[in-house]
Amino acid sequence: MPDTVPRPPPLELSADGWKRFEFDWKNYLVAAELTKKPSAVKVAILLSVCGPEAQDRFKSFTWNEDNDACDIDKVMKKFEECTPVENTTVERFKFNSRQQKPGEPIKED
């Protein structure tokens, strides 16, 4: 069954990227019937699907205990802590400061 379930896309280390990846990851665990696997196996699978940028970030994590790096809950918490939080005020400023260029359609892909 796990081979037929598509893997989640790589983790983008942004506020929206983390939310999307976490949702996809939790669904992947259930769909691939991995929820009962040991925590260390889940961490290994997570690292194999998260992409090189997230793997590099994982290597930079510091742990309170040696085996924390094999605890899926602690690993997920670390990724959540290291992803940036969207600043609503800044995003509103960018949106409201935007000016349409001459000849630019309203909907630009």
PDB file of N, CA and C in Angstrom:
ATOM      1  N   MET A   1       0.808  -1.211   0.000  1.00  0.00           N
ATOM      2  CA  MET A   1       0.000   0.000   0.000  1.00  0.00           C
ATOM      3  C   MET A   1       0.851   1.275   0.000  1.00  0.00           C
ATOM      4  N   PRO A   2       1.943   1.399   0.802  1.00  0.00           N
ATOM      5  CA  PRO A   2       2.694   2.650   0.830  1.00  0.00           C
ATOM      6  C   PRO A   2       3.243   3.074  -0.525  1.00  0.00           C
ATOM      7  N   ASP A   3       3.531   2.103  -1.430  1.00  0.00           N
ATOM      8  CA  ASP A   3       4.083   2.471  -2.731  1.00  0.00           C
ATOM      9  C   ASP A   3       3.057   3.142  -3.633  1.00  0.00           C
ATOM     10  N   THR A   4       1.771   2.916  -3.387  1.00  0.00           N
ATOM     11  CA  THR A   4       0.744   3.486  -4.244  1.00  0.00           C
ATOM     12  C   THR A   4       0.282   4.865  -3.784  1.00  0.00           C
ATOM     13  N   VAL A   5       0.650   5.244  -2.569  1.00  0.00           N
ATOM     14  CA  VAL A   5       0.249   6.550  -2.037  1.00  0.00           C
ATOM     15  C   VAL A   5       1.302   7.583  -2.439  1.00  0.00           C
ATOM     16  N   PRO A   6       0.894   8.659  -3.105  1.00  0.00           N
ATOM     17  CA  PRO A   6       1.890   9.668  -3.495  1.00  0.00           C
ATOM     18  C   PRO A   6       2.497  10.348  -2.277  1.00  0.00           C
ATOM     19  N   ARG A   7       3.788  10.572  -2.362  1.00  0.00           N
ATOM     20  CA  ARG A   7       4.492  11.232  -1.264  1.00  0.00           C
ATOM     21  C   ARG A   7       4.122  12.705  -1.223  1.00  0.00           C
ATOM     22  N   PRO A   8       4.139  13.311  -0.033  1.00  0.00           N
ATOM     23  CA  PRO A   8       3.868  14.752   0.020  1.00  0.00           C
ATOM     24  C   PRO A   8       4.977  15.524  -0.675  1.00  0.00           C
ATOM     25  N   PRO A   9       4.661  16.693  -1.233  1.00  0.00           N
ATOM     26  CA  PRO A   9       5.709  17.499  -1.869  1.00  0.00           C
ATOM     27  C   PRO A   9       6.712  17.974  -0.823  1.00  0.00           C
ATOM     28  N   PRO A  10       7.923  18.344  -1.248  1.00  0.00           N
ATOM     29  CA  PRO A  10       8.940  18.802  -0.295  1.00  0.00           C
ATOM     30  C   PRO A  10       8.459  19.983   0.544  1.00  0.00           C
ATOM     31  N   LEU A  11       9.005  20.073   1.726  1.00  0.00           N
ATOM     32  CA  LEU A  11       8.660  21.141   2.664  1.00  0.00           C
ATOM     33  C   LEU A  11       9.279  22.452   2.217  1.00  0.00           C
ATOM     34  N   GLU A  12       8.444  23.475   2.084  1.00  0.00           N
ATOM     35  CA  GLU A  12       8.927  24.833   1.839  1.00  0.00           C
ATOM     36  C   GLU A  12       8.985  25.510   3.196  1.00  0.00           C
ATOM     37  N   LEU A  13      10.133  26.027   3.569  1.00  0.00           N
ATOM     38  CA  LEU A  13      10.301  26.615   4.894  1.00  0.00           C
ATOM     39  C   LEU A  13       9.745  28.033   4.928  1.00  0.00           C
ATOM     40  N   SER A  14       8.420  28.095   4.872  1.00  0.00           N
ATOM     41  CA  SER A  14       7.685  29.353   4.997  1.00  0.00           C
ATOM     42  C   SER A  14       6.464  29.054   5.848  1.00  0.00           C
ATOM     43  N   ALA A  15       5.761  30.090   6.285  1.00  0.00           N
ATOM     44  CA  ALA A  15       4.585  29.892   7.136  1.00  0.00           C
ATOM     45  C   ALA A  15       3.535  29.045   6.415  1.00  0.00           C
ATOM     46  N   ASP A  16       3.207  29.401   5.190  1.00  0.00           N
ATOM     47  CA  ASP A  16       2.221  28.638   4.428  1.00  0.00           C
ATOM     48  C   ASP A  16       2.755  27.267   4.039  1.00  0.00           C
ATOM     49  N   GLY A  17       4.041  27.212   3.713  1.00  0.00           N
ATOM     50  CA  GLY A  17       4.651  25.943   3.317  1.00  0.00           C
ATOM     51  C   GLY A  17       4.591  24.918   4.431  1.00  0.00           C
ATOM     52  N   TRP A  18       4.843  25.356   5.667  1.00  0.00           N
ATOM     53  CA  TRP A  18       4.791  24.431   6.792  1.00  0.00           C
ATOM     54  C   TRP A  18       3.373  23.924   7.011  1.00  0.00           C
ATOM     55  N   LYS A  19       2.388  24.806   6.964  1.00  0.00           N
ATOM     56  CA  LYS A  19       0.996  24.397   7.176  1.00  0.00           C
ATOM     57  C   LYS A  19       0.567  23.363   6.140  1.00  0.00           C
ATOM     58  N   ARG A  20       0.921  23.611   4.872  1.00  0.00           N
ATOM     59  CA  ARG A  20       0.586  22.675   3.801  1.00  0.00           C
ATOM     60  C   ARG A  20       1.273  21.334   4.011  1.00  0.00           C
ATOM     61  N   PHE A  21       2.575  21.389   4.314  1.00  0.00           N
ATOM     62  CA  PHE A  21       3.332  20.154   4.474  1.00  0.00           C
ATOM     63  C   PHE A  21       2.826  19.340   5.665  1.00  0.00           C
ATOM     64  N   GLU A  22       2.547  19.997   6.766  1.00  0.00           N
ATOM     65  CA  GLU A  22       2.067  19.286   7.953  1.00  0.00           C
ATOM     66  C   GLU A  22       0.745  18.569   7.649  1.00  0.00           C
ATOM     67  N   PHE A  23      -0.136  19.247   6.951  1.00  0.00           N
ATOM     68  CA  PHE A  23      -1.415  18.642   6.561  1.00  0.00           C
ATOM     69  C   PHE A  23      -1.178  17.437   5.651  1.00  0.00           C
ATOM     70  N   ASP A  24      -0.343  17.626   4.622  1.00  0.00           N
ATOM     71  CA  ASP A  24      -0.044  16.534   3.688  1.00  0.00           C
ATOM     72  C   ASP A  24       0.648  15.374   4.393  1.00  0.00           C
ATOM     73  N   TRP A  25       1.559  15.680   5.317  1.00  0.00           N
ATOM     74  CA  TRP A  25       2.304  14.651   6.034  1.00  0.00           C
ATOM     75  C   TRP A  25       1.373  13.789   6.888  1.00  0.00           C
ATOM     76  N   LYS A  26       0.475  14.422   7.617  1.00  0.00           N
ATOM     77  CA  LYS A  26      -0.447  13.665   8.473  1.00  0.00           C
ATOM     78  C   LYS A  26      -1.356  12.769   7.634  1.00  0.00           C
ATOM     79  N   ASN A  27      -1.814  13.268   6.509  1.00  0.00           N
ATOM     80  CA  ASN A  27      -2.636  12.452   5.617  1.00  0.00           C
ATOM     81  C   ASN A  27      -1.830  11.313   5.007  1.00  0.00           C
ATOM     82  N   TYR A  28      -0.592  11.578   4.666  1.00  0.00           N
ATOM     83  CA  TYR A  28       0.282  10.548   4.096  1.00  0.00           C
ATOM     84  C   TYR A  28       0.501   9.408   5.092  1.00  0.00           C
ATOM     85  N   LEU A  29       0.732   9.753   6.351  1.00  0.00           N
ATOM     86  CA  LEU A  29       0.930   8.715   7.371  1.00  0.00           C
ATOM     87  C   LEU A  29      -0.272   7.778   7.451  1.00  0.00           C
ATOM     88  N   VAL A  30      -1.461   8.343   7.428  1.00  0.00           N
ATOM     89  CA  VAL A  30      -2.675   7.534   7.518  1.00  0.00           C
ATOM     90  C   VAL A  30      -2.868   6.721   6.238  1.00  0.00           C
ATOM     91  N   ALA A  31      -2.765   7.381   5.092  1.00  0.00           N
ATOM     92  CA  ALA A  31      -3.021   6.711   3.815  1.00  0.00           C
ATOM     93  C   ALA A  31      -2.016   5.596   3.534  1.00  0.00           C
ATOM     94  N   ALA A  32      -0.777   5.799   3.940  1.00  0.00           N
ATOM     95  CA  ALA A  32       0.265   4.801   3.697  1.00  0.00           C
ATOM     96  C   ALA A  32       0.349   3.775   4.829  1.00  0.00           C
ATOM     97  N   GLU A  33      -0.576   3.864   5.752  1.00  0.00           N
ATOM     98  CA  GLU A  33      -0.646   2.936   6.887  1.00  0.00           C
ATOM     99  C   GLU A  33       0.657   2.916   7.692  1.00  0.00           C
ATOM    100  N   LEU A  34       1.162   4.100   7.978  1.00  0.00           N
ATOM    101  CA  LEU A  34       2.424   4.234   8.710  1.00  0.00           C
ATOM    102  C   LEU A  34       2.227   4.706  10.147  1.00  0.00           C
ATOM    103  N   THR A  35       0.987   4.910  10.570  1.00  0.00           N
ATOM    104  CA  THR A  35       0.740   5.481  11.893  1.00  0.00           C
ATOM    105  C   THR A  35       1.214   4.578  13.024  1.00  0.00           C
ATOM    106  N   LYS A  36       1.276   3.280  12.809  1.00  0.00           N
ATOM    107  CA  LYS A  36       1.696   2.356  13.870  1.00  0.00           C
ATOM    108  C   LYS A  36       3.179   2.013  13.811  1.00  0.00           C
ATOM    109  N   LYS A  37       3.892   2.587  12.872  1.00  0.00           N
ATOM    110  CA  LYS A  37       5.336   2.359  12.772  1.00  0.00           C
ATOM    111  C   LYS A  37       6.043   3.049  13.935  1.00  0.00           C
ATOM    112  N   PRO A  38       7.222   2.566  14.308  1.00  0.00           N
ATOM    113  CA  PRO A  38       7.984   3.237  15.374  1.00  0.00           C
ATOM    114  C   PRO A  38       8.320   4.680  14.997  1.00  0.00           C
ATOM    115  N   SER A  39       8.482   5.501  16.006  1.00  0.00           N
ATOM    116  CA  SER A  39       8.745   6.925  15.800  1.00  0.00           C
ATOM    117  C   SER A  39      10.004   7.158  14.967  1.00  0.00           C
ATOM    118  N   ALA A  40      11.048   6.382  15.199  1.00  0.00           N
ATOM    119  CA  ALA A  40      12.295   6.551  14.449  1.00  0.00           C
ATOM    120  C   ALA A  40      12.081   6.294  12.961  1.00  0.00           C
ATOM    121  N   VAL A  41      11.226   5.345  12.616  1.00  0.00           N
ATOM    122  CA  VAL A  41      10.919   5.056  11.218  1.00  0.00           C
ATOM    123  C   VAL A  41      10.169   6.236  10.606  1.00  0.00           C
ATOM    124  N   LYS A  42       9.232   6.811  11.356  1.00  0.00           N
ATOM    125  CA  LYS A  42       8.490   7.976  10.859  1.00  0.00           C
ATOM    126  C   LYS A  42       9.426   9.153  10.601  1.00  0.00           C
ATOM    127  N   VAL A  43      10.403   9.339  11.492  1.00  0.00           N
ATOM    128  CA  VAL A  43      11.373  10.428  11.295  1.00  0.00           C
ATOM    129  C   VAL A  43      12.179  10.178  10.025  1.00  0.00           C
ATOM    130  N   ALA A  44      12.609   8.943   9.815  1.00  0.00           N
ATOM    131  CA  ALA A  44      13.379   8.613   8.615  1.00  0.00           C
ATOM    132  C   ALA A  44      12.554   8.853   7.350  1.00  0.00           C
ATOM    133  N   ILE A  45      11.285   8.481   7.379  1.00  0.00           N
ATOM    134  CA  ILE A  45      10.412   8.709   6.223  1.00  0.00           C
ATOM    135  C   ILE A  45      10.201  10.210   6.017  1.00  0.00           C
ATOM    136  N   LEU A  46       9.977  10.935   7.101  1.00  0.00           N
ATOM    137  CA  LEU A  46       9.818  12.388   7.018  1.00  0.00           C
ATOM    138  C   LEU A  46      11.032  13.022   6.349  1.00  0.00           C
ATOM    139  N   LEU A  47      12.213  12.625   6.781  1.00  0.00           N
ATOM    140  CA  LEU A  47      13.437  13.206   6.216  1.00  0.00           C
ATOM    141  C   LEU A  47      13.640  12.810   4.755  1.00  0.00           C
ATOM    142  N   SER A  48      13.113  11.665   4.363  1.00  0.00           N
ATOM    143  CA  SER A  48      13.263  11.257   2.965  1.00  0.00           C
ATOM    144  C   SER A  48      12.296  12.003   2.046  1.00  0.00           C
ATOM    145  N   VAL A  49      11.204  12.536   2.582  1.00  0.00           N
ATOM    146  CA  VAL A  49      10.231  13.243   1.732  1.00  0.00           C
ATOM    147  C   VAL A  49      10.303  14.760   1.863  1.00  0.00           C
ATOM    148  N   CYS A  50      10.942  15.285   2.893  1.00  0.00           N
ATOM    149  CA  CYS A  50      10.861  16.727   3.156  1.00  0.00           C
ATOM    150  C   CYS A  50      11.721  17.581   2.233  1.00  0.00           C
ATOM    151  N   GLY A  51      12.705  16.999   1.564  1.00  0.00           N
ATOM    152  CA  GLY A  51      13.531  17.761   0.634  1.00  0.00           C
ATOM    153  C   GLY A  51      14.836  18.222   1.249  1.00  0.00           C
ATOM    154  N   PRO A  52      15.791  18.611   0.397  1.00  0.00           N
ATOM    155  CA  PRO A  52      17.135  18.950   0.871  1.00  0.00           C
ATOM    156  C   PRO A  52      17.205  20.172   1.785  1.00  0.00           C
ATOM    157  N   GLU A  53      16.399  21.178   1.530  1.00  0.00           N
ATOM    158  CA  GLU A  53      16.428  22.386   2.368  1.00  0.00           C
ATOM    159  C   GLU A  53      16.008  22.054   3.797  1.00  0.00           C
ATOM    160  N   ALA A  54      14.948  21.275   3.941  1.00  0.00           N
ATOM    161  CA  ALA A  54      14.474  20.878   5.265  1.00  0.00           C
ATOM    162  C   ALA A  54      15.451  19.897   5.926  1.00  0.00           C
ATOM    163  N   GLN A  55      16.092  19.047   5.133  1.00  0.00           N
ATOM    164  CA  GLN A  55      17.081  18.128   5.692  1.00  0.00           C
ATOM    165  C   GLN A  55      18.259  18.907   6.280  1.00  0.00           C
ATOM    166  N   ASP A  56      18.690  19.944   5.570  1.00  0.00           N
ATOM    167  CA  ASP A  56      19.772  20.786   6.095  1.00  0.00           C
ATOM    168  C   ASP A  56      19.342  21.473   7.387  1.00  0.00           C
ATOM    169  N   ARG A  57      18.101  21.921   7.426  1.00  0.00           N
ATOM    170  CA  ARG A  57      17.588  22.553   8.637  1.00  0.00           C
ATOM    171  C   ARG A  57      17.573  21.547   9.793  1.00  0.00           C
ATOM    172  N   PHE A  58      17.150  20.318   9.513  1.00  0.00           N
ATOM    173  CA  PHE A  58      17.119  19.260  10.534  1.00  0.00           C
ATOM    174  C   PHE A  58      18.513  19.037  11.120  1.00  0.00           C
ATOM    175  N   LYS A  59      19.526  19.047  10.265  1.00  0.00           N
ATOM    176  CA  LYS A  59      20.907  18.824  10.726  1.00  0.00           C
ATOM    177  C   LYS A  59      21.373  19.917  11.672  1.00  0.00           C
ATOM    178  N   SER A  60      20.750  21.098  11.591  1.00  0.00           N
ATOM    179  CA  SER A  60      21.160  22.215  12.446  1.00  0.00           C
ATOM    180  C   SER A  60      20.433  22.236  13.795  1.00  0.00           C
ATOM    181  N   PHE A  61      19.420  21.388  13.964  1.00  0.00           N
ATOM    182  CA  PHE A  61      18.667  21.365  15.211  1.00  0.00           C
ATOM    183  C   PHE A  61      19.550  20.907  16.367  1.00  0.00           C
ATOM    184  N   THR A  62      19.305  21.500  17.545  1.00  0.00           N
ATOM    185  CA  THR A  62      19.954  21.022  18.765  1.00  0.00           C
ATOM    186  C   THR A  62      18.893  20.331  19.605  1.00  0.00           C
ATOM    187  N   TRP A  63      19.291  19.257  20.258  1.00  0.00           N
ATOM    188  CA  TRP A  63      18.351  18.427  21.003  1.00  0.00           C
ATOM    189  C   TRP A  63      18.734  18.384  22.465  1.00  0.00           C
ATOM    190  N   ASN A  64      17.741  18.288  23.334  1.00  0.00           N
ATOM    191  CA  ASN A  64      17.978  18.171  24.777  1.00  0.00           C
ATOM    192  C   ASN A  64      18.567  16.812  25.122  1.00  0.00           C
ATOM    193  N   GLU A  65      18.089  15.779  24.455  1.00  0.00           N
ATOM    194  CA  GLU A  65      18.585  14.424  24.671  1.00  0.00           C
ATOM    195  C   GLU A  65      18.938  13.806  23.323  1.00  0.00           C
ATOM    196  N   ASP A  66      19.823  12.830  23.333  1.00  0.00           N
ATOM    197  CA  ASP A  66      20.298  12.225  22.088  1.00  0.00           C
ATOM    198  C   ASP A  66      19.177  11.597  21.266  1.00  0.00           C
ATOM    199  N   ASN A  67      18.251  10.928  21.912  1.00  0.00           N
ATOM    200  CA  ASN A  67      17.212  10.230  21.169  1.00  0.00           C
ATOM    201  C   ASN A  67      16.031  11.128  20.789  1.00  0.00           C
ATOM    202  N   ASP A  68      16.069  12.419  21.090  1.00  0.00           N
ATOM    203  CA  ASP A  68      14.995  13.343  20.685  1.00  0.00           C
ATOM    204  C   ASP A  68      14.893  13.437  19.168  1.00  0.00           C
ATOM    205  N   ALA A  69      16.008  13.255  18.471  1.00  0.00           N
ATOM    206  CA  ALA A  69      16.010  13.337  17.014  1.00  0.00           C
ATOM    207  C   ALA A  69      15.264  12.167  16.384  1.00  0.00           C
ATOM    208  N   CYS A  70      14.947  11.156  17.168  1.00  0.00           N
ATOM    209  CA  CYS A  70      14.193   9.992  16.675  1.00  0.00           C
ATOM    210  C   CYS A  70      12.738  10.029  17.114  1.00  0.00           C
ATOM    211  N   ASP A  71      12.332  11.097  17.767  1.00  0.00           N
ATOM    212  CA  ASP A  71      10.952  11.246  18.242  1.00  0.00           C
ATOM    213  C   ASP A  71      10.204  12.135  17.252  1.00  0.00           C
ATOM    214  N   ILE A  72       9.256  11.561  16.532  1.00  0.00           N
ATOM    215  CA  ILE A  72       8.564  12.291  15.462  1.00  0.00           C
ATOM    216  C   ILE A  72       7.851  13.536  15.982  1.00  0.00           C
ATOM    217  N   ASP A  73       7.280  13.461  17.167  1.00  0.00           N
ATOM    218  CA  ASP A  73       6.580  14.627  17.718  1.00  0.00           C
ATOM    219  C   ASP A  73       7.544  15.778  17.989  1.00  0.00           C
ATOM    220  N   LYS A  74       8.715  15.460  18.520  1.00  0.00           N
ATOM    221  CA  LYS A  74       9.713  16.501  18.804  1.00  0.00           C
ATOM    222  C   LYS A  74      10.306  17.068  17.522  1.00  0.00           C
ATOM    223  N   VAL A  75      10.491  16.219  16.526  1.00  0.00           N
ATOM    224  CA  VAL A  75      11.012  16.686  15.240  1.00  0.00           C
ATOM    225  C   VAL A  75      10.004  17.622  14.573  1.00  0.00           C
ATOM    226  N   MET A  76       8.739  17.234  14.575  1.00  0.00           N
ATOM    227  CA  MET A  76       7.699  18.086  13.987  1.00  0.00           C
ATOM    228  C   MET A  76       7.622  19.423  14.723  1.00  0.00           C
ATOM    229  N   LYS A  77       7.748  19.392  16.034  1.00  0.00           N
ATOM    230  CA  LYS A  77       7.711  20.619  16.840  1.00  0.00           C
ATOM    231  C   LYS A  77       8.875  21.534  16.468  1.00  0.00           C
ATOM    232  N   LYS A  78      10.061  20.948  16.273  1.00  0.00           N
ATOM    233  CA  LYS A  78      11.236  21.755  15.881  1.00  0.00           C
ATOM    234  C   LYS A  78      11.011  22.422  14.533  1.00  0.00           C
ATOM    235  N   PHE A  79      10.473  21.675  13.572  1.00  0.00           N
ATOM    236  CA  PHE A  79      10.209  22.276  12.259  1.00  0.00           C
ATOM    237  C   PHE A  79       9.184  23.399  12.378  1.00  0.00           C
ATOM    238  N   GLU A  80       8.175  23.186  13.192  1.00  0.00           N
ATOM    239  CA  GLU A  80       7.161  24.222  13.386  1.00  0.00           C
ATOM    240  C   GLU A  80       7.772  25.478  14.009  1.00  0.00           C
ATOM    241  N   GLU A  81       8.670  25.297  14.966  1.00  0.00           N
ATOM    242  CA  GLU A  81       9.305  26.441  15.634  1.00  0.00           C
ATOM    243  C   GLU A  81      10.232  27.215  14.711  1.00  0.00           C
ATOM    244  N   CYS A  82      10.831  26.541  13.731  1.00  0.00           N
ATOM    245  CA  CYS A  82      11.827  27.220  12.888  1.00  0.00           C
ATOM    246  C   CYS A  82      11.237  27.837  11.633  1.00  0.00           C
ATOM    247  N   THR A  83       9.953  27.595  11.362  1.00  0.00           N
ATOM    248  CA  THR A  83       9.360  28.219  10.188  1.00  0.00           C
ATOM    249  C   THR A  83       8.889  29.624  10.536  1.00  0.00           C
ATOM    250  N   PRO A  84       9.082  30.559   9.625  1.00  0.00           N
ATOM    251  CA  PRO A  84       8.699  31.939   9.916  1.00  0.00           C
ATOM    252  C   PRO A  84       7.191  32.094  10.076  1.00  0.00           C
ATOM    253  N   VAL A  85       6.819  33.058  10.876  1.00  0.00           N
ATOM    254  CA  VAL A  85       5.413  33.373  11.076  1.00  0.00           C
ATOM    255  C   VAL A  85       5.060  34.528  10.149  1.00  0.00           C
ATOM    256  N   GLU A  86       3.936  34.403   9.474  1.00  0.00           N
ATOM    257  CA  GLU A  86       3.519  35.460   8.548  1.00  0.00           C
ATOM    258  C   GLU A  86       3.126  36.705   9.337  1.00  0.00           C
ATOM    259  N   ASN A  87       3.684  37.835   8.958  1.00  0.00           N
ATOM    260  CA  ASN A  87       3.364  39.110   9.583  1.00  0.00           C
ATOM    261  C   ASN A  87       2.223  39.746   8.794  1.00  0.00           C
ATOM    262  N   THR A  88       1.037  39.701   9.352  1.00  0.00           N
ATOM    263  CA  THR A  88      -0.159  40.184   8.656  1.00  0.00           C
ATOM    264  C   THR A  88      -0.040  41.660   8.300  1.00  0.00           C
ATOM    265  N   THR A  89       0.517  42.451   9.183  1.00  0.00           N
ATOM    266  CA  THR A  89       0.650  43.887   8.930  1.00  0.00           C
ATOM    267  C   THR A  89       1.536  44.141   7.715  1.00  0.00           C
ATOM    268  N   VAL A  90       2.650  43.436   7.630  1.00  0.00           N
ATOM    269  CA  VAL A  90       3.563  43.608   6.497  1.00  0.00           C
ATOM    270  C   VAL A  90       2.899  43.155   5.208  1.00  0.00           C
ATOM    271  N   GLU A  91       2.210  42.027   5.248  1.00  0.00           N
ATOM    272  CA  GLU A  91       1.540  41.525   4.051  1.00  0.00           C
ATOM    273  C   GLU A  91       0.448  42.483   3.576  1.00  0.00           C
ATOM    274  N   ARG A  92      -0.291  43.075   4.497  1.00  0.00           N
ATOM    275  CA  ARG A  92      -1.303  44.071   4.120  1.00  0.00           C
ATOM    276  C   ARG A  92      -0.653  45.297   3.489  1.00  0.00           C
ATOM    277  N   PHE A  93       0.479  45.725   4.068  1.00  0.00           N
ATOM    278  CA  PHE A  93       1.189  46.880   3.514  1.00  0.00           C
ATOM    279  C   PHE A  93       1.634  46.596   2.081  1.00  0.00           C
ATOM    280  N   LYS A  94       2.199  45.420   1.848  1.00  0.00           N
ATOM    281  CA  LYS A  94       2.641  45.057   0.496  1.00  0.00           C
ATOM    282  C   LYS A  94       1.460  45.054  -0.466  1.00  0.00           C
ATOM    283  N   PHE A  95       0.364  44.461  -0.034  1.00  0.00           N
ATOM    284  CA  PHE A  95      -0.816  44.386  -0.892  1.00  0.00           C
ATOM    285  C   PHE A  95      -1.348  45.777  -1.204  1.00  0.00           C
ATOM    286  N   ASN A  96      -1.486  46.617  -0.212  1.00  0.00           N
ATOM    287  CA  ASN A  96      -2.053  47.953  -0.394  1.00  0.00           C
ATOM    288  C   ASN A  96      -1.096  48.908  -1.092  1.00  0.00           C
ATOM    289  N   SER A  97       0.200  48.607  -1.107  1.00  0.00           N
ATOM    290  CA  SER A  97       1.188  49.443  -1.784  1.00  0.00           C
ATOM    291  C   SER A  97       1.337  49.081  -3.256  1.00  0.00           C
ATOM    292  N   ARG A  98       0.803  47.972  -3.637  1.00  0.00           N
ATOM    293  CA  ARG A  98       0.948  47.478  -5.008  1.00  0.00           C
ATOM    294  C   ARG A  98       0.259  48.407  -5.986  1.00  0.00           C
ATOM    295  N   GLN A  99       0.953  48.734  -7.061  1.00  0.00           N
ATOM    296  CA  GLN A  99       0.366  49.572  -8.099  1.00  0.00           C
ATOM    297  C   GLN A  99       0.389  48.816  -9.417  1.00  0.00           C
ATOM    298  N   GLN A 100      -0.724  48.866 -10.109  1.00  0.00           N
ATOM    299  CA  GLN A 100      -0.836  48.178 -11.391  1.00  0.00           C
ATOM    300  C   GLN A 100      -0.028  48.935 -12.437  1.00  0.00           C
ATOM    301  N   LYS A 101       0.763  48.211 -13.196  1.00  0.00           N
ATOM    302  CA  LYS A 101       1.589  48.807 -14.236  1.00  0.00           C
ATOM    303  C   LYS A 101       0.746  48.991 -15.492  1.00  0.00           C
ATOM    304  N   PRO A 102       1.100  49.969 -16.333  1.00  0.00           N
ATOM    305  CA  PRO A 102       0.351  50.173 -17.580  1.00  0.00           C
ATOM    306  C   PRO A 102       0.380  48.901 -18.429  1.00  0.00           C
ATOM    307  N   GLY A 103      -0.773  48.495 -18.916  1.00  0.00           N
ATOM    308  CA  GLY A 103      -0.873  47.302 -19.760  1.00  0.00           C
ATOM    309  C   GLY A 103      -0.907  45.997 -18.982  1.00  0.00           C
ATOM    310  N   GLU A 104      -0.786  46.055 -17.674  1.00  0.00           N
ATOM    311  CA  GLU A 104      -0.808  44.839 -16.853  1.00  0.00           C
ATOM    312  C   GLU A 104      -2.268  44.459 -16.572  1.00  0.00           C
ATOM    313  N   PRO A 105      -2.637  43.220 -16.891  1.00  0.00           N
ATOM    314  CA  PRO A 105      -4.022  42.824 -16.617  1.00  0.00           C
ATOM    315  C   PRO A 105      -4.285  42.715 -15.124  1.00  0.00           C
ATOM    316  N   ILE A 106      -5.543  42.761 -14.742  1.00  0.00           N
ATOM    317  CA  ILE A 106      -5.902  42.667 -13.333  1.00  0.00           C
ATOM    318  C   ILE A 106      -5.472  41.318 -12.782  1.00  0.00           C
ATOM    319  N   LYS A 107      -5.754  40.280 -13.540  1.00  0.00           N
ATOM    320  CA  LYS A 107      -5.369  38.943 -13.096  1.00  0.00           C
ATOM    321  C   LYS A 107      -4.103  38.550 -13.837  1.00  0.00           C
ATOM    322  N   GLU A 108      -2.983  38.522 -13.118  1.00  0.00           N
ATOM    323  CA  GLU A 108      -1.723  38.127 -13.701  1.00  0.00           C
ATOM    324  C   GLU A 108      -1.298  36.820 -13.096  1.00  0.00           C
ATOM    325  N   ASP A 109      -0.957  35.835 -13.946  1.00  0.00           N
ATOM    326  CA  ASP A 109      -0.590  34.506 -13.444  1.00  0.00           C
ATOM    327  C   ASP A 109       0.800  34.477 -12.939  1.00  0.00           C
TER     328      ASP A 109
END
